[in-house]
Structures are given as C-alpha cells and as structure tokens.
Amino acid sequence: MNSFLRIRSKVGAAACAGLALMGMLTPCPAAAQSAFPGKAIKIVVPNAAGGAADITARIVGQKLGEALGQPVVIENKPSAGGVVAGEQVARSEPDGHTLLLISSGTAVSASLFKVLPFDTLKDFSPVSKMAVFDLVIAVSESGRFKTIADLLAYARANPGKLNLGTPQIGTTQNLAAELFASSAGIAVQIIPFNGTPPVINALRGGEIDAMVDILGPLMPQVQAKALRALALMGEQRFSGLPEVPVLRESGGSLAQFHVASWNGLAVPAKTPRDVVSRLNREIQTILKMPDVLKRTSELNVSLQGGTPEQAYELLVADIRRWAEVIERAKIPRQ
C-alpha cells in the first residue's frame, strides 16, 4: 500500500520482463493477469440478505459484472463481527475473483475480538470505499425534546438520567453513542437492544429518551412523524432531511465531531496491484451512474468512492478510533 511497495513492485516487474525477453524466464505472473477476470466474481457479504449493506453490494455487484463481462455472485455469510466472511476471503486465492464487503464493523471487530482468524490490516487489500450510512440521534415525536440543544441541555442538567437506546453492544451505532456522550461531556445511560426494531419500540413506548441508529431504517418512522430526527452524526446534512442539523453545528466540544457507518470492498492481501486498480476504476465509474445513485438514494444511502489508499487509511483510522472508545467505555473484549 505504501510508496516503497509500489516502487518494489515496479522494479520487480521491469526486471522480470527483461529476463523474459532474454529467454531466461517464462512469462511473468503479472502478464497473465491481463486476462482478469477469467471467471465469475464472488462478493462475500458478512450481513444477512435484505439489509442496506447487502442491497448496496448487489446494486454495485450487478454493474460490476456488466463492466467486467463476468457474473458477480453475492454470498451472504452473516456471523458475529463478520468473522466467517472475513476468514473465507482471507484464505481465498488472491486473484481478484473473491471480494469482501468491509465496513466500519470490520474496524470494530479488529478491536473488539481478542482473537480473529485473520489480520484485518495485513490479510486484506481495500479496493474502495463504497457507501456511507448516516447515523442519527432520534426521539419520539411526542417527547420532550424538540431540538438537539434541548437534549444536550437536559443531559447536562441531569447527569446520568438520559437514556440512549442502541442496537447490540459493540455495533457501530452503540459505539457512536458512547463517542457522542464522551465528546459532548455528558453522563448518560446507554441501553443496548437486540436490533433496531426493539429500540424503536422502546422509544415510541417511552421506555427510553432517545436512540442512536442508522438513518435508513428510521426514515419511514421519521416521515410518518412517529420519530423526530434531532441531529445527524456525519460531516454534512443529508439531502433527504435538509432541515436536520449535524452534531458539529452544536459547536463547543462537538465542533469537530463526525462519525458514520460505511462499507466498501476489499480483496485478499496478495492480489496483484493491476487487478486492484482495475476493480477500483470500475467501482468509481459505477458509483457515479445516475441509475445507481437513484436506487441508493431511495435507500437513504450516500455513495462515496476513492482510492485504495484512502480506503486503507479510513480502515486504519476507524480501528484506532473504536479501540479507544471500547477501552474508555470498558466494553469487554469478546
């Protein structure tokens, strides 16, 4: 991923090509990669079918198959922390035909699990960031809080009394709630539930004061005026809810706050650089296609691409960030 590796790769390829011309060596492995792809491509998704991450992978996968002239198969391998999917791809042939859907959850698992059957940074080469899923702080429409300022004022005046519901301990949503509380300097009770629907039910039933979750699944409730979105946690406002501020607009200790759930694609670490580059180029084109943008916007998903290096840097930064949150919140490692 760094400049030294790129230079070494170029030097090695040049030397190999020279020896081949001199009849001293058979054609170089890199030359054989020009035939990529030579068979069907598999995207292993560490989530169940039907969710936003899975649907996004299918939308991009279909277009990727059309661009490469090979079928793209989505294989769902849900498990705690995405361990099963990660292990399968880490052990796959590094030829670009098996990809892993990585996410902010991949970064969380690197810090949350004591032992993984792979090294998150050494066994995978990120290809590209792909989608961003806004996180939101929401309350009941009929509740006491009408703005994020109301919620923060109450929390500061009543330490430990505000209840924030989230999905399970260790999810991006749960850790984002922990990060929000510590960044805002407020003492709250963070209550994990077994998934998003129970959190919504608890909020609408008055069992909790607010919740932190991915925006997409909450949008029908927000649009139906059952829930109120107080603030988003990303860097900018969401076009579908232009009136809802982002937390950093609150200023003070939250002025630099931003966090989001995201996903992207990666391949086994030893996949040839030219294959990674080809996949990256195709994905950048796909993420700009009008029909792809339309379909993902209907899911309340923002598409964001970038280089393999940027995807790697994001993964490194998120592993560091969530490790600090896990340690500060004293969340037991699994």
Protein backbone atom coordinates (compact mmCIF):
# COMPACT_ATOMS: atom_id res chain seq x y z
CA MET A 1 0.00 0.00 0.00
CA ASN A 2 2.92 2.42 0.64
CA SER A 3 5.30 4.03 -1.87
CA PHE A 4 8.08 1.55 -1.09
CA LEU A 5 5.86 -1.40 -2.04
CA ARG A 6 4.77 0.33 -5.26
CA ILE A 7 8.39 1.06 -6.22
CA ARG A 8 9.44 -2.51 -5.41
CA SER A 9 6.56 -3.84 -7.49
CA LYS A 10 7.54 -1.70 -10.49
CA VAL A 11 11.21 -2.65 -10.24
CA GLY A 12 10.35 -6.36 -9.92
CA ALA A 13 8.05 -6.24 -12.93
CA ALA A 14 10.62 -4.46 -15.06
CA ALA A 15 13.33 -6.97 -14.18
CA CYS A 16 11.02 -9.90 -14.83
CA ALA A 17 10.02 -8.52 -18.22
CA GLY A 18 13.67 -8.01 -19.17
CA LEU A 19 14.62 -11.58 -18.29
CA ALA A 20 11.67 -12.93 -20.22
CA LEU A 21 12.79 -11.07 -23.35
CA MET A 22 16.26 -12.55 -22.94
CA GLY A 23 14.78 -16.05 -22.85
CA MET A 24 15.92 -16.58 -19.30
CA LEU A 25 12.49 -16.80 -17.74
CA THR A 26 8.98 -17.86 -18.60
CA PRO A 27 6.39 -15.06 -18.96
CA CYS A 28 5.90 -13.18 -15.72
CA PRO A 29 2.85 -13.77 -13.49
CA ALA A 30 1.86 -10.10 -13.86
CA ALA A 31 1.45 -10.58 -17.60
CA ALA A 32 -1.01 -13.40 -17.00
CA GLN A 33 -3.19 -11.02 -15.01
CA SER A 34 -4.11 -9.17 -18.20
CA ALA A 35 -6.79 -11.83 -18.68
CA PHE A 36 -8.58 -10.76 -15.48
CA PRO A 37 -11.36 -11.55 -14.93
CA GLY A 38 -11.25 -15.14 -16.08
CA LYS A 39 -14.27 -16.46 -14.22
CA ALA A 40 -17.24 -15.46 -12.08
CA ILE A 41 -16.56 -13.00 -9.27
CA LYS A 42 -17.84 -13.51 -5.75
CA ILE A 43 -18.60 -10.77 -3.22
CA VAL A 44 -18.81 -12.24 0.28
CA VAL A 45 -21.13 -10.15 2.47
CA PRO A 46 -20.89 -10.52 6.26
CA ASN A 47 -24.54 -9.49 6.66
CA ALA A 48 -27.86 -11.18 6.12
CA ALA A 49 -29.65 -10.67 2.82
CA GLY A 50 -32.09 -7.79 2.56
CA GLY A 51 -30.35 -5.12 4.60
CA ALA A 52 -28.97 -1.86 3.20
CA ALA A 53 -25.41 -3.20 3.09
CA ASP A 54 -26.49 -6.32 1.20
CA ILE A 55 -28.66 -4.37 -1.24
CA THR A 56 -25.86 -1.90 -1.91
CA ALA A 57 -23.47 -4.76 -2.63
CA ARG A 58 -25.99 -6.26 -5.05
CA ILE A 59 -26.55 -2.97 -6.89
CA VAL A 60 -22.82 -2.39 -7.34
CA GLY A 61 -22.17 -6.09 -7.99
CA GLN A 62 -24.63 -6.19 -10.89
CA LYS A 63 -22.97 -3.22 -12.55
CA LEU A 64 -19.51 -4.60 -11.86
CA GLY A 65 -20.45 -7.84 -13.59
CA GLU A 66 -21.66 -5.92 -16.64
CA ALA A 67 -18.44 -3.88 -16.75
CA LEU A 68 -16.15 -6.91 -16.40
CA GLY A 69 -18.12 -9.28 -18.58
CA GLN A 70 -18.39 -11.92 -15.85
CA PRO A 71 -21.25 -12.76 -13.46
CA VAL A 72 -20.93 -11.39 -9.94
CA VAL A 73 -22.37 -13.61 -7.22
CA ILE A 74 -23.32 -12.26 -3.78
CA GLU A 75 -22.70 -14.76 -1.00
CA ASN A 76 -24.13 -13.88 2.42
CA LYS A 77 -22.11 -15.15 5.38
CA PRO A 78 -23.55 -13.42 8.46
CA SER A 79 -21.78 -14.01 11.77
CA ALA A 80 -20.70 -12.06 14.83
CA GLY A 81 -18.15 -9.47 13.81
CA GLY A 82 -18.13 -10.70 10.21
CA VAL A 83 -15.59 -13.36 11.20
CA VAL A 84 -16.85 -16.14 8.91
CA ALA A 85 -16.89 -13.94 5.81
CA GLY A 86 -13.51 -12.43 6.63
CA GLU A 87 -11.85 -15.80 7.13
CA GLN A 88 -13.25 -17.15 3.88
CA VAL A 89 -11.92 -14.24 1.82
CA ALA A 90 -8.57 -14.09 3.64
CA ARG A 91 -7.98 -17.73 2.63
CA SER A 92 -9.17 -17.26 -0.95
CA GLU A 93 -6.93 -17.20 -4.00
CA PRO A 94 -5.58 -13.63 -4.31
CA ASP A 95 -6.57 -13.18 -7.94
CA GLY A 96 -9.38 -10.61 -7.70
CA HIS A 97 -12.21 -13.09 -8.12
CA THR A 98 -13.22 -13.09 -4.43
CA LEU A 99 -14.04 -9.82 -2.68
CA LEU A 100 -15.13 -8.98 0.85
CA LEU A 101 -17.64 -6.33 1.82
CA ILE A 102 -15.77 -4.45 4.56
CA SER A 103 -17.30 -1.80 6.78
CA SER A 104 -16.96 0.25 9.92
CA GLY A 105 -17.97 -3.01 11.61
CA THR A 106 -14.79 -4.60 10.25
CA ALA A 107 -12.82 -1.92 12.10
CA VAL A 108 -14.80 -2.50 15.29
CA SER A 109 -14.16 -6.26 15.18
CA ALA A 110 -10.41 -5.68 14.93
CA SER A 111 -10.52 -4.14 18.42
CA LEU A 112 -13.48 -5.93 19.97
CA PHE A 113 -12.34 -9.52 19.43
CA LYS A 114 -9.38 -10.87 21.35
CA VAL A 115 -8.54 -13.33 18.57
CA LEU A 116 -9.51 -13.27 14.90
CA PRO A 117 -8.66 -15.94 12.30
CA PHE A 118 -7.13 -13.17 10.16
CA ASP A 119 -5.26 -9.89 10.49
CA THR A 120 -7.58 -7.09 9.41
CA LEU A 121 -4.79 -4.86 8.09
CA LYS A 122 -2.35 -7.47 6.79
CA ASP A 123 -4.66 -10.04 5.19
CA PHE A 124 -6.81 -7.69 3.08
CA SER A 125 -6.19 -5.00 0.49
CA PRO A 126 -9.03 -2.45 0.41
CA VAL A 127 -10.20 -1.68 -3.12
CA SER A 128 -12.53 1.25 -2.49
CA LYS A 129 -14.90 2.85 -0.06
CA MET A 130 -18.38 2.49 -1.48
CA ALA A 131 -21.28 3.74 0.66
CA VAL A 132 -21.94 5.85 3.74
CA PHE A 133 -24.86 5.29 6.10
CA ASP A 134 -25.71 8.33 8.21
CA LEU A 135 -26.13 7.84 11.96
CA VAL A 136 -28.87 9.80 13.66
CA ILE A 137 -29.99 10.76 17.15
CA ALA A 138 -33.76 10.36 17.19
CA VAL A 139 -36.54 10.86 19.73
CA SER A 140 -40.26 10.28 19.87
CA GLU A 141 -42.17 12.99 18.03
CA SER A 142 -44.37 13.40 21.09
CA GLY A 143 -41.46 13.51 23.53
CA ARG A 144 -39.97 16.41 25.48
CA PHE A 145 -37.04 17.07 23.13
CA LYS A 146 -37.63 19.14 20.01
CA THR A 147 -34.03 20.01 19.18
CA ILE A 148 -30.58 18.58 19.86
CA ALA A 149 -29.97 21.63 22.08
CA ASP A 150 -32.92 20.52 24.25
CA LEU A 151 -31.44 17.05 24.66
CA LEU A 152 -27.94 18.33 25.48
CA ALA A 153 -29.29 20.86 27.98
CA TYR A 154 -31.30 18.17 29.77
CA ALA A 155 -28.38 15.75 29.86
CA ARG A 156 -26.05 18.39 31.32
CA ALA A 157 -28.59 19.44 33.94
CA ASN A 158 -29.45 15.85 34.86
CA PRO A 159 -26.27 13.72 34.81
CA GLY A 160 -26.95 10.02 34.28
CA LYS A 161 -30.71 10.39 33.74
CA LEU A 162 -30.83 10.47 29.95
CA ASN A 163 -31.33 7.01 28.39
CA LEU A 164 -29.95 6.37 24.91
CA GLY A 165 -31.01 3.16 23.18
CA THR A 166 -28.87 1.46 20.52
CA PRO A 167 -28.56 -1.93 18.82
CA GLN A 168 -26.24 -4.51 20.38
CA ILE A 169 -23.08 -3.72 22.35
CA GLY A 170 -20.14 -3.34 20.00
CA THR A 171 -22.10 -2.25 16.93
CA THR A 172 -21.06 0.97 15.22
CA GLN A 173 -24.29 2.55 16.48
CA ASN A 174 -23.59 1.54 20.07
CA LEU A 175 -20.02 2.81 19.96
CA ALA A 176 -21.11 6.01 18.22
CA ALA A 177 -23.46 6.68 21.17
CA GLU A 178 -20.54 6.18 23.56
CA LEU A 179 -18.40 8.53 21.48
CA PHE A 180 -21.17 11.15 21.36
CA ALA A 181 -21.61 11.11 25.13
CA SER A 182 -17.90 11.42 25.87
CA SER A 183 -17.40 14.12 23.22
CA ALA A 184 -20.35 16.13 24.50
CA GLY A 185 -19.18 15.71 28.08
CA ILE A 186 -22.47 14.26 29.26
CA ALA A 187 -23.22 11.29 31.52
CA VAL A 188 -25.93 9.09 30.01
CA GLN A 189 -27.23 5.55 30.29
CA ILE A 190 -26.63 3.67 27.03
CA ILE A 191 -29.04 0.76 26.74
CA PRO A 192 -28.38 -1.90 24.07
CA PHE A 193 -31.22 -3.84 22.45
CA ASN A 194 -31.26 -6.87 20.17
CA GLY A 195 -31.50 -4.96 16.90
CA THR A 196 -33.17 -1.82 15.58
CA PRO A 197 -36.91 -2.72 15.82
CA PRO A 198 -36.81 -3.24 19.62
CA VAL A 199 -35.06 0.13 20.03
CA ILE A 200 -37.77 1.87 18.01
CA ASN A 201 -40.50 0.16 20.03
CA ALA A 202 -38.84 1.16 23.30
CA LEU A 203 -38.52 4.75 22.14
CA ARG A 204 -42.10 5.03 20.95
CA GLY A 205 -43.27 3.33 24.16
CA GLY A 206 -41.47 5.84 26.35
CA GLU A 207 -39.01 3.31 27.82
CA ILE A 208 -36.00 5.32 26.62
CA ASP A 209 -35.47 9.02 25.91
CA ALA A 210 -33.59 8.83 22.61
CA MET A 211 -31.83 6.42 20.29
CA VAL A 212 -28.77 6.30 18.05
CA ASP A 213 -29.01 4.23 14.88
CA ILE A 214 -28.51 4.24 11.14
CA LEU A 215 -30.85 6.68 9.46
CA GLY A 216 -32.17 4.42 6.70
CA PRO A 217 -34.30 2.04 8.81
CA LEU A 218 -35.69 5.00 10.78
CA MET A 219 -36.71 7.13 7.79
CA PRO A 220 -40.23 5.65 7.46
CA GLN A 221 -40.84 6.46 11.13
CA VAL A 222 -39.46 9.97 10.68
CA GLN A 223 -41.51 10.58 7.56
CA ALA A 224 -44.62 9.29 9.33
CA LYS A 225 -43.99 11.79 12.17
CA ALA A 226 -43.64 8.99 14.72
CA LEU A 227 -39.98 9.79 15.35
CA ARG A 228 -38.09 13.07 15.19
CA ALA A 229 -34.52 13.22 13.89
CA LEU A 230 -32.67 15.64 16.18
CA ALA A 231 -29.21 15.53 14.62
CA LEU A 232 -27.06 13.54 12.23
CA MET A 233 -23.54 12.48 13.17
CA GLY A 234 -21.87 12.93 9.79
CA GLU A 235 -19.90 15.79 8.28
CA GLN A 236 -22.75 17.37 6.34
CA ARG A 237 -26.52 17.49 6.26
CA PHE A 238 -28.42 14.77 4.43
CA SER A 239 -30.26 15.91 1.30
CA GLY A 240 -33.32 13.89 2.26
CA LEU A 241 -33.63 15.76 5.58
CA PRO A 242 -32.14 19.18 4.86
CA GLU A 243 -33.68 20.71 7.99
CA VAL A 244 -31.90 18.30 10.35
CA PRO A 245 -28.53 19.64 11.57
CA VAL A 246 -25.32 17.70 12.04
CA LEU A 247 -23.91 17.46 15.56
CA ARG A 248 -20.86 19.57 14.78
CA GLU A 249 -23.22 22.52 14.25
CA SER A 250 -23.81 22.42 18.03
CA GLY A 251 -20.30 23.85 18.44
CA GLY A 252 -18.19 23.60 21.57
CA SER A 253 -16.72 20.16 22.18
CA LEU A 254 -18.83 18.80 19.30
CA ALA A 255 -17.47 21.23 16.68
CA GLN A 256 -15.17 18.59 15.19
CA PHE A 257 -17.43 15.60 15.84
CA HIS A 258 -18.35 13.39 12.93
CA VAL A 259 -18.84 9.67 12.58
CA ALA A 260 -20.68 7.48 10.10
CA SER A 261 -21.19 3.86 9.23
CA TRP A 262 -19.65 2.93 5.89
CA ASN A 263 -18.82 0.00 3.67
CA GLY A 264 -16.50 -0.83 0.81
CA LEU A 265 -14.80 -3.70 -0.94
CA ALA A 266 -11.51 -5.49 -0.29
CA VAL A 267 -9.58 -8.43 -1.75
CA PRO A 268 -7.01 -10.83 -0.26
CA ALA A 269 -3.77 -9.01 0.50
CA LYS A 270 -1.57 -10.54 -2.21
CA THR A 271 -3.92 -9.68 -5.07
CA PRO A 272 -1.88 -8.10 -7.91
CA ARG A 273 -1.86 -4.33 -7.93
CA ASP A 274 -3.14 -4.10 -11.51
CA VAL A 275 -6.20 -6.15 -10.58
CA VAL A 276 -6.93 -3.92 -7.57
CA SER A 277 -6.56 -0.86 -9.81
CA ARG A 278 -8.92 -2.32 -12.42
CA LEU A 279 -11.56 -3.07 -9.80
CA ASN A 280 -11.17 0.39 -8.31
CA ARG A 281 -11.61 2.12 -11.68
CA GLU A 282 -14.77 0.19 -12.44
CA ILE A 283 -16.25 0.91 -8.99
CA GLN A 284 -15.60 4.66 -9.29
CA THR A 285 -17.49 4.67 -12.58
CA ILE A 286 -20.36 2.65 -11.14
CA LEU A 287 -20.78 4.94 -8.12
CA LYS A 288 -21.41 7.88 -10.47
CA MET A 289 -24.04 6.17 -12.64
CA PRO A 290 -27.40 8.02 -12.47
CA ASP A 291 -29.47 4.87 -12.04
CA VAL A 292 -27.18 3.62 -9.25
CA LEU A 293 -27.38 7.00 -7.49
CA LYS A 294 -31.16 6.96 -7.79
CA ARG A 295 -31.56 3.45 -6.39
CA THR A 296 -29.21 4.03 -3.45
CA SER A 297 -30.74 7.40 -2.60
CA GLU A 298 -34.07 5.62 -2.22
CA LEU A 299 -32.33 3.57 0.50
CA ASN A 300 -31.10 6.81 2.12
CA VAL A 301 -27.54 5.79 1.32
CA SER A 302 -24.82 8.18 0.14
CA LEU A 303 -22.24 6.81 -2.30
CA GLN A 304 -18.60 7.76 -1.77
CA GLY A 305 -15.70 6.18 -3.59
CA GLY A 306 -11.99 6.93 -3.51
CA THR A 307 -8.62 5.29 -3.98
CA PRO A 308 -7.46 2.02 -2.41
CA GLU A 309 -5.06 4.06 -0.28
CA GLN A 310 -7.89 6.22 1.05
CA ALA A 311 -9.94 3.13 1.91
CA TYR A 312 -6.96 1.66 3.76
CA GLU A 313 -6.40 4.91 5.69
CA LEU A 314 -10.08 5.00 6.67
CA LEU A 315 -9.88 1.43 7.97
CA VAL A 316 -6.74 2.23 9.99
CA ALA A 317 -8.28 5.40 11.44
CA ASP A 318 -11.51 3.63 12.40
CA ILE A 319 -9.67 0.75 14.07
CA ARG A 320 -7.78 3.30 16.18
CA ARG A 321 -10.90 5.32 16.96
CA TRP A 322 -13.07 2.38 18.01
CA ALA A 323 -10.29 0.81 20.05
CA GLU A 324 -10.14 3.99 22.11
CA VAL A 325 -13.92 4.09 22.55
CA ILE A 326 -14.05 0.41 23.56
CA GLU A 327 -11.31 0.94 26.13
CA ARG A 328 -12.81 4.15 27.53
CA ALA A 329 -16.30 2.60 27.79
CA LYS A 330 -14.82 -0.53 29.39
CA ILE A 331 -16.60 -2.78 26.90
CA PRO A 332 -15.38 -6.37 27.42
CA ARG A 333 -13.44 -7.84 24.52
CA GLN A 334 -15.00 -10.96 23.06
